[in-house]
Amino acid sequence: MRSFKAAIVTCFSKYITFSGRARRAEYWWFVLFIIVGGIVFSFADEALFGTDPSPGGQNYLLSNLFQLGTLLPLLAAGWRRMHDTGRPGWYLFFPLVALLALVVIMFALGFLFPSEGGPNETQEAAGSALENPYLTALGDLFSTGFMIASGLVAIVPYFVVLFWLCQGTEDAENRYGPVPPLLS
């Protein structure tokens, strides 16, 4: 239990410190603190503010403030955790980069290959080709395959970063600093 408290104290004392290293226990105890804190503050929001019957109308004021207050320390701890495994801290953002690239590709494909519903003279001229059931089935198959591939491109980086965050501490000093002390 002391390491849980020590991890929270360490992460808050290094609120925006992105240099150095963080052991696996420090990072994951702090993640657990954020998860439990989010749940507790959600219940507090429910008790204090009640529920709003409109769709999506739940008021999570305290929970949102807690999440906002712990965002920078969590990013800093993750950054230091990546350093502890010998990787640059910005690797933490691989999932975001992959997702942004996927959005850009989808918008580009949307402009290159507009849907049938839009006013496109080329599509009107090729009306008989668009009504061909074989071409329609091939287009649906391509679309489904593209969506599956897009989903993999979007989700695989999360698992890669999770794998890196779960790896052990490098035993020797690396370019990011000395081996961090054990939590007490």
N, C-alpha and C. Protein backbone atom coordinates (compact mmCIF):
# COMPACT_ATOMS: atom_id res chain seq x y z
N MET A 1 0.82 -1.19 0.00
CA MET A 1 0.00 0.00 0.00
C MET A 1 0.87 1.26 0.00
N ARG A 2 2.05 1.16 0.59
CA ARG A 2 2.94 2.32 0.62
C ARG A 2 3.37 2.70 -0.78
N SER A 3 3.56 1.71 -1.67
CA SER A 3 3.99 2.04 -3.03
C SER A 3 2.87 2.74 -3.81
N PHE A 4 1.61 2.42 -3.48
CA PHE A 4 0.48 3.10 -4.11
C PHE A 4 0.51 4.58 -3.77
N LYS A 5 0.66 4.87 -2.48
CA LYS A 5 0.72 6.26 -2.03
C LYS A 5 1.97 6.95 -2.59
N ALA A 6 3.09 6.23 -2.58
CA ALA A 6 4.34 6.82 -3.09
C ALA A 6 4.23 7.14 -4.58
N ALA A 7 3.55 6.30 -5.34
CA ALA A 7 3.37 6.56 -6.77
C ALA A 7 2.54 7.81 -7.00
N ILE A 8 1.48 7.97 -6.21
CA ILE A 8 0.63 9.15 -6.36
C ILE A 8 1.40 10.41 -5.99
N VAL A 9 2.12 10.36 -4.87
CA VAL A 9 2.91 11.51 -4.43
C VAL A 9 3.97 11.85 -5.47
N THR A 10 4.66 10.83 -6.00
CA THR A 10 5.70 11.06 -7.00
C THR A 10 5.13 11.68 -8.27
N CYS A 11 4.04 11.14 -8.75
CA CYS A 11 3.47 11.65 -10.00
C CYS A 11 2.94 13.07 -9.85
N PHE A 12 2.36 13.39 -8.69
CA PHE A 12 1.91 14.77 -8.49
C PHE A 12 3.07 15.72 -8.21
N SER A 13 4.14 15.22 -7.59
CA SER A 13 5.30 16.09 -7.36
C SER A 13 6.05 16.37 -8.67
N LYS A 14 5.90 15.48 -9.63
CA LYS A 14 6.49 15.68 -10.95
C LYS A 14 5.36 15.99 -11.94
N TYR A 15 4.49 16.92 -11.57
CA TYR A 15 3.25 17.22 -12.28
C TYR A 15 3.46 17.39 -13.79
N ILE A 16 4.45 18.18 -14.19
CA ILE A 16 4.72 18.38 -15.62
C ILE A 16 6.19 18.10 -15.93
N THR A 17 6.79 17.15 -15.24
CA THR A 17 8.17 16.77 -15.49
C THR A 17 8.19 15.64 -16.52
N PHE A 18 8.66 15.98 -17.71
CA PHE A 18 8.70 15.00 -18.79
C PHE A 18 10.09 14.40 -18.97
N SER A 19 11.03 14.82 -18.15
CA SER A 19 12.39 14.27 -18.24
C SER A 19 12.57 13.22 -17.15
N GLY A 20 13.52 12.35 -17.35
CA GLY A 20 13.79 11.30 -16.38
C GLY A 20 13.03 10.03 -16.72
N ARG A 21 12.95 9.16 -15.73
CA ARG A 21 12.37 7.84 -15.93
C ARG A 21 11.37 7.53 -14.82
N ALA A 22 10.40 6.67 -15.13
CA ALA A 22 9.41 6.22 -14.15
C ALA A 22 9.29 4.71 -14.22
N ARG A 23 9.41 4.08 -13.09
CA ARG A 23 9.27 2.62 -13.04
C ARG A 23 7.84 2.19 -13.40
N ARG A 24 7.73 0.93 -13.76
CA ARG A 24 6.44 0.37 -14.13
C ARG A 24 5.42 0.51 -13.00
N ALA A 25 5.82 0.20 -11.77
CA ALA A 25 4.89 0.28 -10.63
C ALA A 25 4.39 1.71 -10.42
N GLU A 26 5.29 2.69 -10.56
CA GLU A 26 4.88 4.09 -10.39
C GLU A 26 3.78 4.46 -11.38
N TYR A 27 3.98 4.10 -12.63
CA TYR A 27 3.01 4.44 -13.67
C TYR A 27 1.68 3.73 -13.44
N TRP A 28 1.72 2.42 -13.25
CA TRP A 28 0.47 1.67 -13.17
C TRP A 28 -0.28 1.92 -11.87
N TRP A 29 0.38 2.20 -10.75
CA TRP A 29 -0.32 2.59 -9.54
C TRP A 29 -1.04 3.91 -9.76
N PHE A 30 -0.38 4.82 -10.48
CA PHE A 30 -1.01 6.11 -10.75
C PHE A 30 -2.22 5.94 -11.69
N VAL A 31 -2.12 5.07 -12.68
CA VAL A 31 -3.25 4.78 -13.56
C VAL A 31 -4.41 4.22 -12.74
N LEU A 32 -4.12 3.31 -11.83
CA LEU A 32 -5.17 2.75 -10.96
C LEU A 32 -5.82 3.86 -10.12
N PHE A 33 -5.01 4.77 -9.59
CA PHE A 33 -5.54 5.91 -8.82
C PHE A 33 -6.50 6.73 -9.67
N ILE A 34 -6.15 6.98 -10.93
CA ILE A 34 -7.00 7.78 -11.82
C ILE A 34 -8.30 7.05 -12.13
N ILE A 35 -8.23 5.75 -12.35
CA ILE A 35 -9.44 4.97 -12.63
C ILE A 35 -10.38 4.98 -11.42
N VAL A 36 -9.82 4.68 -10.25
CA VAL A 36 -10.64 4.65 -9.03
C VAL A 36 -11.18 6.05 -8.72
N GLY A 37 -10.33 7.06 -8.86
CA GLY A 37 -10.78 8.43 -8.63
C GLY A 37 -11.89 8.84 -9.57
N GLY A 38 -11.80 8.44 -10.83
CA GLY A 38 -12.85 8.74 -11.80
C GLY A 38 -14.17 8.10 -11.42
N ILE A 39 -14.10 6.86 -10.95
CA ILE A 39 -15.32 6.16 -10.53
C ILE A 39 -15.93 6.83 -9.30
N VAL A 40 -15.08 7.15 -8.31
CA VAL A 40 -15.57 7.79 -7.08
C VAL A 40 -16.20 9.14 -7.40
N PHE A 41 -15.54 9.93 -8.22
CA PHE A 41 -16.10 11.25 -8.55
C PHE A 41 -17.35 11.14 -9.42
N SER A 42 -17.47 10.09 -10.21
CA SER A 42 -18.72 9.88 -10.98
C SER A 42 -19.89 9.61 -10.03
N PHE A 43 -19.63 8.78 -9.01
CA PHE A 43 -20.68 8.53 -8.02
C PHE A 43 -21.01 9.80 -7.24
N ALA A 44 -19.98 10.59 -6.94
CA ALA A 44 -20.22 11.85 -6.23
C ALA A 44 -21.05 12.80 -7.08
N ASP A 45 -20.76 12.86 -8.38
CA ASP A 45 -21.56 13.68 -9.29
C ASP A 45 -23.01 13.23 -9.29
N GLU A 46 -23.19 11.92 -9.33
CA GLU A 46 -24.55 11.35 -9.34
C GLU A 46 -25.29 11.73 -8.05
N ALA A 47 -24.60 11.63 -6.93
CA ALA A 47 -25.23 11.93 -5.64
C ALA A 47 -25.52 13.41 -5.48
N LEU A 48 -24.61 14.25 -5.93
CA LEU A 48 -24.78 15.70 -5.74
C LEU A 48 -25.70 16.35 -6.77
N PHE A 49 -25.57 15.92 -8.01
CA PHE A 49 -26.28 16.61 -9.10
C PHE A 49 -27.43 15.80 -9.69
N GLY A 50 -27.53 14.52 -9.33
CA GLY A 50 -28.60 13.68 -9.87
C GLY A 50 -28.37 13.36 -11.33
N THR A 51 -29.40 12.78 -11.93
CA THR A 51 -29.31 12.43 -13.34
C THR A 51 -30.22 13.34 -14.14
N ASP A 52 -29.80 13.63 -15.32
CA ASP A 52 -30.60 14.44 -16.24
C ASP A 52 -31.28 13.46 -17.19
N PRO A 53 -32.61 13.48 -17.29
CA PRO A 53 -33.30 12.49 -18.12
C PRO A 53 -33.07 12.66 -19.62
N SER A 54 -32.56 13.79 -20.06
CA SER A 54 -32.33 13.96 -21.49
C SER A 54 -31.14 13.11 -21.93
N PRO A 55 -31.15 12.64 -23.18
CA PRO A 55 -30.04 11.81 -23.66
C PRO A 55 -28.72 12.56 -23.59
N GLY A 56 -27.74 11.91 -22.98
CA GLY A 56 -26.42 12.51 -22.85
C GLY A 56 -26.39 13.68 -21.90
N GLY A 57 -27.38 13.81 -21.05
CA GLY A 57 -27.49 14.97 -20.19
C GLY A 57 -26.88 14.80 -18.81
N GLN A 58 -26.12 13.74 -18.59
CA GLN A 58 -25.51 13.50 -17.28
C GLN A 58 -24.50 14.60 -16.97
N ASN A 59 -24.50 15.09 -15.76
CA ASN A 59 -23.59 16.15 -15.34
C ASN A 59 -22.42 15.52 -14.58
N TYR A 60 -21.25 15.53 -15.16
CA TYR A 60 -20.06 14.95 -14.54
C TYR A 60 -19.06 16.04 -14.21
N LEU A 61 -19.47 17.06 -13.49
CA LEU A 61 -18.61 18.19 -13.19
C LEU A 61 -17.37 17.78 -12.39
N LEU A 62 -17.56 17.11 -11.26
CA LEU A 62 -16.44 16.73 -10.40
C LEU A 62 -15.53 15.72 -11.10
N SER A 63 -16.13 14.76 -11.76
CA SER A 63 -15.35 13.75 -12.48
C SER A 63 -14.52 14.39 -13.59
N ASN A 64 -15.12 15.31 -14.33
CA ASN A 64 -14.38 15.99 -15.40
C ASN A 64 -13.25 16.85 -14.84
N LEU A 65 -13.48 17.53 -13.73
CA LEU A 65 -12.42 18.32 -13.11
C LEU A 65 -11.28 17.43 -12.63
N PHE A 66 -11.62 16.27 -12.06
CA PHE A 66 -10.59 15.32 -11.62
C PHE A 66 -9.77 14.82 -12.81
N GLN A 67 -10.45 14.44 -13.88
CA GLN A 67 -9.74 13.94 -15.07
C GLN A 67 -8.87 15.02 -15.68
N LEU A 68 -9.36 16.25 -15.71
CA LEU A 68 -8.58 17.35 -16.23
C LEU A 68 -7.35 17.64 -15.36
N GLY A 69 -7.53 17.56 -14.05
CA GLY A 69 -6.43 17.81 -13.13
C GLY A 69 -5.37 16.74 -13.14
N THR A 70 -5.72 15.53 -13.56
CA THR A 70 -4.74 14.43 -13.58
C THR A 70 -4.21 14.14 -14.99
N LEU A 71 -4.67 14.88 -15.98
CA LEU A 71 -4.23 14.63 -17.36
C LEU A 71 -2.74 14.86 -17.55
N LEU A 72 -2.24 16.03 -17.14
CA LEU A 72 -0.82 16.32 -17.32
C LEU A 72 0.09 15.39 -16.52
N PRO A 73 -0.22 15.10 -15.25
CA PRO A 73 0.64 14.15 -14.54
C PRO A 73 0.63 12.76 -15.18
N LEU A 74 -0.52 12.35 -15.72
CA LEU A 74 -0.58 11.04 -16.39
C LEU A 74 0.27 11.05 -17.65
N LEU A 75 0.17 12.11 -18.44
CA LEU A 75 1.01 12.20 -19.64
C LEU A 75 2.49 12.24 -19.28
N ALA A 76 2.83 13.01 -18.25
CA ALA A 76 4.23 13.10 -17.83
C ALA A 76 4.73 11.75 -17.33
N ALA A 77 3.91 11.03 -16.56
CA ALA A 77 4.31 9.72 -16.06
C ALA A 77 4.46 8.72 -17.22
N GLY A 78 3.56 8.78 -18.18
CA GLY A 78 3.67 7.91 -19.35
C GLY A 78 4.91 8.23 -20.17
N TRP A 79 5.21 9.51 -20.30
CA TRP A 79 6.40 9.96 -21.03
C TRP A 79 7.65 9.41 -20.34
N ARG A 80 7.72 9.57 -19.02
CA ARG A 80 8.86 9.06 -18.26
C ARG A 80 8.91 7.54 -18.30
N ARG A 81 7.74 6.89 -18.34
CA ARG A 81 7.68 5.42 -18.42
C ARG A 81 8.28 4.95 -19.74
N MET A 82 7.98 5.66 -20.83
CA MET A 82 8.58 5.31 -22.12
C MET A 82 10.10 5.48 -22.06
N HIS A 83 10.55 6.53 -21.40
CA HIS A 83 11.99 6.73 -21.22
C HIS A 83 12.60 5.56 -20.46
N ASP A 84 11.87 5.04 -19.49
CA ASP A 84 12.38 3.95 -18.67
C ASP A 84 12.59 2.68 -19.48
N THR A 85 11.83 2.53 -20.56
CA THR A 85 12.00 1.35 -21.43
C THR A 85 12.98 1.63 -22.56
N GLY A 86 13.60 2.83 -22.54
CA GLY A 86 14.60 3.16 -23.55
C GLY A 86 14.03 3.78 -24.81
N ARG A 87 12.78 4.19 -24.79
CA ARG A 87 12.14 4.77 -25.96
C ARG A 87 11.88 6.26 -25.74
N PRO A 88 11.82 7.02 -26.83
CA PRO A 88 11.45 8.44 -26.68
C PRO A 88 10.01 8.56 -26.16
N GLY A 89 9.76 9.59 -25.38
CA GLY A 89 8.44 9.77 -24.79
C GLY A 89 7.35 10.01 -25.80
N TRP A 90 7.69 10.62 -26.94
CA TRP A 90 6.65 10.91 -27.93
C TRP A 90 6.07 9.65 -28.54
N TYR A 91 6.69 8.49 -28.32
CA TYR A 91 6.11 7.23 -28.79
C TYR A 91 4.74 6.99 -28.14
N LEU A 92 4.50 7.63 -27.03
CA LEU A 92 3.22 7.52 -26.35
C LEU A 92 2.07 7.98 -27.25
N PHE A 93 2.37 8.83 -28.23
CA PHE A 93 1.35 9.39 -29.11
C PHE A 93 1.18 8.62 -30.42
N PHE A 94 1.78 7.44 -30.57
CA PHE A 94 1.61 6.65 -31.78
C PHE A 94 0.14 6.41 -32.13
N PRO A 95 -0.71 6.03 -31.16
CA PRO A 95 -2.12 5.82 -31.52
C PRO A 95 -2.78 7.07 -32.08
N LEU A 96 -2.48 8.22 -31.53
CA LEU A 96 -3.05 9.47 -32.02
C LEU A 96 -2.58 9.77 -33.43
N VAL A 97 -1.30 9.56 -33.70
CA VAL A 97 -0.75 9.80 -35.04
C VAL A 97 -1.40 8.85 -36.05
N ALA A 98 -1.55 7.59 -35.68
CA ALA A 98 -2.19 6.62 -36.58
C ALA A 98 -3.64 7.00 -36.85
N LEU A 99 -4.35 7.44 -35.83
CA LEU A 99 -5.74 7.83 -36.00
C LEU A 99 -5.87 9.06 -36.88
N LEU A 100 -5.01 10.05 -36.68
CA LEU A 100 -5.03 11.25 -37.54
C LEU A 100 -4.70 10.90 -38.98
N ALA A 101 -3.73 10.03 -39.19
CA ALA A 101 -3.39 9.61 -40.55
C ALA A 101 -4.57 8.90 -41.20
N LEU A 102 -5.27 8.08 -40.44
CA LEU A 102 -6.44 7.38 -40.96
C LEU A 102 -7.55 8.35 -41.34
N VAL A 103 -7.76 9.36 -40.53
CA VAL A 103 -8.79 10.37 -40.84
C VAL A 103 -8.42 11.12 -42.12
N VAL A 104 -7.16 11.49 -42.26
CA VAL A 104 -6.71 12.19 -43.47
C VAL A 104 -6.91 11.31 -44.70
N ILE A 105 -6.56 10.03 -44.59
CA ILE A 105 -6.72 9.10 -45.72
C ILE A 105 -8.20 8.96 -46.08
N MET A 106 -9.06 8.85 -45.07
CA MET A 106 -10.50 8.70 -45.36
C MET A 106 -11.07 9.94 -46.03
N PHE A 107 -10.65 11.13 -45.57
CA PHE A 107 -11.12 12.35 -46.24
C PHE A 107 -10.60 12.42 -47.67
N ALA A 108 -9.34 12.04 -47.87
CA ALA A 108 -8.78 12.06 -49.21
C ALA A 108 -9.51 11.09 -50.12
N LEU A 109 -9.81 9.91 -49.62
CA LEU A 109 -10.56 8.94 -50.43
C LEU A 109 -11.98 9.42 -50.69
N GLY A 110 -12.56 10.11 -49.74
CA GLY A 110 -13.91 10.66 -49.94
C GLY A 110 -13.94 11.70 -51.04
N PHE A 111 -12.86 12.48 -51.18
CA PHE A 111 -12.80 13.46 -52.25
C PHE A 111 -12.45 12.82 -53.58
N LEU A 112 -11.61 11.78 -53.54
CA LEU A 112 -11.22 11.12 -54.79
C LEU A 112 -12.33 10.24 -55.34
N PHE A 113 -13.05 9.58 -54.43
CA PHE A 113 -14.10 8.66 -54.84
C PHE A 113 -15.41 9.06 -54.18
N PRO A 114 -16.09 10.08 -54.72
CA PRO A 114 -17.34 10.52 -54.09
C PRO A 114 -18.41 9.43 -54.19
N SER A 115 -19.36 9.48 -53.27
CA SER A 115 -20.42 8.48 -53.24
C SER A 115 -21.40 8.69 -54.39
N GLU A 116 -22.26 7.69 -54.58
CA GLU A 116 -23.24 7.76 -55.68
C GLU A 116 -24.25 8.87 -55.48
N GLY A 117 -24.54 9.24 -54.25
CA GLY A 117 -25.60 10.19 -53.97
C GLY A 117 -25.30 11.60 -54.43
N GLY A 118 -24.05 11.97 -54.60
CA GLY A 118 -23.71 13.34 -54.96
C GLY A 118 -23.84 13.61 -56.44
N PRO A 119 -24.00 14.87 -56.81
CA PRO A 119 -24.10 15.21 -58.23
C PRO A 119 -22.72 15.15 -58.89
N ASN A 120 -22.49 14.08 -59.61
CA ASN A 120 -21.21 13.89 -60.27
C ASN A 120 -21.50 13.50 -61.72
N GLU A 121 -21.07 14.31 -62.67
CA GLU A 121 -21.37 14.05 -64.08
C GLU A 121 -20.78 12.73 -64.55
N THR A 122 -19.63 12.35 -64.03
CA THR A 122 -19.01 11.09 -64.46
C THR A 122 -19.89 9.93 -64.03
N GLN A 123 -20.46 10.00 -62.86
CA GLN A 123 -21.33 8.92 -62.40
C GLN A 123 -22.61 8.88 -63.21
N GLU A 124 -23.15 10.03 -63.59
CA GLU A 124 -24.37 10.04 -64.40
C GLU A 124 -24.09 9.45 -65.77
N ALA A 125 -22.92 9.75 -66.32
CA ALA A 125 -22.58 9.21 -67.64
C ALA A 125 -22.37 7.70 -67.57
N ALA A 126 -21.90 7.21 -66.42
CA ALA A 126 -21.63 5.78 -66.28
C ALA A 126 -22.75 5.12 -65.48
N GLY A 127 -23.96 5.59 -65.62
CA GLY A 127 -25.09 5.09 -64.84
C GLY A 127 -25.29 3.60 -64.98
N SER A 128 -25.12 3.06 -66.17
CA SER A 128 -25.35 1.63 -66.34
C SER A 128 -24.28 0.81 -65.63
N ALA A 129 -23.05 1.31 -65.54
CA ALA A 129 -21.98 0.57 -64.86
C ALA A 129 -22.25 0.54 -63.36
N LEU A 130 -22.86 1.61 -62.81
CA LEU A 130 -23.12 1.65 -61.38
C LEU A 130 -24.26 0.72 -60.99
N GLU A 131 -25.09 0.37 -61.94
CA GLU A 131 -26.20 -0.52 -61.64
C GLU A 131 -25.82 -1.98 -61.78
N ASN A 132 -24.62 -2.28 -62.22
CA ASN A 132 -24.14 -3.65 -62.36
C ASN A 132 -23.99 -4.26 -60.97
N PRO A 133 -24.70 -5.36 -60.69
CA PRO A 133 -24.64 -5.95 -59.34
C PRO A 133 -23.26 -6.49 -58.99
N TYR A 134 -22.50 -6.94 -59.98
CA TYR A 134 -21.16 -7.46 -59.70
C TYR A 134 -20.22 -6.33 -59.25
N LEU A 135 -20.32 -5.18 -59.92
CA LEU A 135 -19.50 -4.04 -59.52
C LEU A 135 -19.92 -3.51 -58.16
N THR A 136 -21.21 -3.52 -57.89
CA THR A 136 -21.70 -3.08 -56.60
C THR A 136 -21.19 -4.01 -55.50
N ALA A 137 -21.24 -5.32 -55.73
CA ALA A 137 -20.75 -6.29 -54.74
C ALA A 137 -19.25 -6.13 -54.54
N LEU A 138 -18.51 -5.90 -55.62
CA LEU A 138 -17.07 -5.70 -55.51
C LEU A 138 -16.77 -4.43 -54.72
N GLY A 139 -17.53 -3.38 -54.96
CA GLY A 139 -17.36 -2.14 -54.21
C GLY A 139 -17.67 -2.33 -52.74
N ASP A 140 -18.73 -3.10 -52.44
CA ASP A 140 -19.07 -3.38 -51.04
C ASP A 140 -17.98 -4.19 -50.36
N LEU A 141 -17.43 -5.18 -51.08
CA LEU A 141 -16.35 -6.00 -50.54
C LEU A 141 -15.11 -5.15 -50.26
N PHE A 142 -14.77 -4.26 -51.21
CA PHE A 142 -13.62 -3.37 -51.02
C PHE A 142 -13.86 -2.45 -49.83
N SER A 143 -15.08 -1.93 -49.74
CA SER A 143 -15.41 -1.02 -48.65
C SER A 143 -15.31 -1.73 -47.30
N THR A 144 -15.82 -2.96 -47.22
CA THR A 144 -15.75 -3.73 -45.98
C THR A 144 -14.30 -4.04 -45.63
N GLY A 145 -13.53 -4.45 -46.61
CA GLY A 145 -12.11 -4.74 -46.38
C GLY A 145 -11.36 -3.50 -45.92
N PHE A 146 -11.68 -2.37 -46.52
CA PHE A 146 -11.03 -1.12 -46.13
C PHE A 146 -11.39 -0.75 -44.70
N MET A 147 -12.65 -0.95 -44.32
CA MET A 147 -13.06 -0.62 -42.96
C MET A 147 -12.38 -1.54 -41.94
N ILE A 148 -12.24 -2.82 -42.26
CA ILE A 148 -11.55 -3.75 -41.35
C ILE A 148 -10.08 -3.34 -41.21
N ALA A 149 -9.44 -3.05 -42.34
CA ALA A 149 -8.04 -2.63 -42.30
C ALA A 149 -7.89 -1.31 -41.54
N SER A 150 -8.83 -0.41 -41.71
CA SER A 150 -8.80 0.86 -41.00
C SER A 150 -8.94 0.65 -39.50
N GLY A 151 -9.81 -0.25 -39.12
CA GLY A 151 -9.97 -0.56 -37.70
C GLY A 151 -8.70 -1.12 -37.09
N LEU A 152 -8.03 -2.00 -37.84
CA LEU A 152 -6.76 -2.55 -37.36
C LEU A 152 -5.70 -1.46 -37.24
N VAL A 153 -5.63 -0.58 -38.25
CA VAL A 153 -4.66 0.51 -38.21
C VAL A 153 -4.94 1.41 -37.01
N ALA A 154 -6.20 1.56 -36.66
CA ALA A 154 -6.55 2.43 -35.54
C ALA A 154 -6.29 1.77 -34.19
N ILE A 155 -6.45 0.45 -34.08
CA ILE A 155 -6.37 -0.20 -32.76
C ILE A 155 -5.00 -0.80 -32.46
N VAL A 156 -4.27 -1.24 -33.46
CA VAL A 156 -2.97 -1.89 -33.21
C VAL A 156 -1.99 -0.97 -32.48
N PRO A 157 -1.88 0.32 -32.83
CA PRO A 157 -0.94 1.17 -32.09
C PRO A 157 -1.23 1.26 -30.59
N TYR A 158 -2.51 1.16 -30.19
CA TYR A 158 -2.83 1.17 -28.76
C TYR A 158 -2.21 -0.05 -28.06
N PHE A 159 -2.30 -1.21 -28.70
CA PHE A 159 -1.73 -2.41 -28.10
C PHE A 159 -0.20 -2.36 -28.08
N VAL A 160 0.39 -1.76 -29.09
CA VAL A 160 1.85 -1.62 -29.12
C VAL A 160 2.32 -0.74 -27.97
N VAL A 161 1.66 0.41 -27.79
CA VAL A 161 2.03 1.32 -26.70
C VAL A 161 1.75 0.65 -25.35
N LEU A 162 0.65 -0.07 -25.22
CA LEU A 162 0.36 -0.79 -23.98
C LEU A 162 1.46 -1.81 -23.69
N PHE A 163 1.92 -2.52 -24.70
CA PHE A 163 3.01 -3.49 -24.54
C PHE A 163 4.27 -2.79 -24.04
N TRP A 164 4.60 -1.64 -24.63
CA TRP A 164 5.78 -0.89 -24.19
C TRP A 164 5.65 -0.42 -22.76
N LEU A 165 4.46 0.06 -22.39
CA LEU A 165 4.25 0.54 -21.03
C LEU A 165 4.33 -0.58 -20.00
N CYS A 166 4.08 -1.81 -20.42
CA CYS A 166 4.13 -2.96 -19.52
C CYS A 166 5.52 -3.58 -19.39
N GLN A 167 6.44 -3.16 -20.23
CA GLN A 167 7.78 -3.74 -20.17
C GLN A 167 8.52 -3.28 -18.92
N GLY A 168 9.48 -4.09 -18.51
CA GLY A 168 10.25 -3.80 -17.31
C GLY A 168 11.23 -2.66 -17.49
N THR A 169 11.79 -2.24 -16.37
CA THR A 169 12.77 -1.17 -16.33
C THR A 169 14.09 -1.66 -16.93
N GLU A 170 14.73 -0.79 -17.72
CA GLU A 170 16.08 -1.11 -18.17
C GLU A 170 16.99 -1.10 -16.96
N ASP A 171 17.83 -2.13 -16.84
CA ASP A 171 18.63 -2.31 -15.63
C ASP A 171 19.77 -1.32 -15.49
N ALA A 172 20.18 -0.72 -16.57
CA ALA A 172 21.32 0.19 -16.51
C ALA A 172 20.86 1.61 -16.85
N GLU A 173 21.75 2.55 -16.60
CA GLU A 173 21.47 3.94 -16.97
C GLU A 173 21.32 4.01 -18.48
N ASN A 174 20.31 4.74 -18.94
CA ASN A 174 20.15 4.94 -20.38
C ASN A 174 20.25 6.43 -20.68
N ARG A 175 19.99 6.81 -21.91
CA ARG A 175 20.16 8.21 -22.30
C ARG A 175 19.17 9.15 -21.62
N TYR A 176 18.18 8.61 -20.92
CA TYR A 176 17.19 9.43 -20.25
C TYR A 176 17.46 9.60 -18.76
N GLY A 177 18.48 8.93 -18.26
CA GLY A 177 18.85 9.12 -16.86
C GLY A 177 19.18 7.80 -16.16
N PRO A 178 19.47 7.93 -14.87
CA PRO A 178 19.80 6.72 -14.10
C PRO A 178 18.56 5.89 -13.82
N VAL A 179 18.79 4.69 -13.35
CA VAL A 179 17.68 3.80 -13.00
C VAL A 179 16.90 4.44 -11.85
N PRO A 180 15.58 4.58 -11.99
CA PRO A 180 14.79 5.20 -10.92
C PRO A 180 14.75 4.32 -9.69
N PRO A 181 14.65 4.93 -8.50
CA PRO A 181 14.60 4.14 -7.28
C PRO A 181 13.28 3.38 -7.17
N LEU A 182 13.30 2.32 -6.39
CA LEU A 182 12.07 1.58 -6.11
C LEU A 182 11.14 2.43 -5.26
N LEU A 183 9.85 2.24 -5.46
CA LEU A 183 8.88 2.95 -4.62
C LEU A 183 8.91 2.33 -3.23
N SER A 184 8.82 3.18 -2.23
CA SER A 184 8.85 2.64 -0.85
C SER A 184 7.50 2.78 -0.19
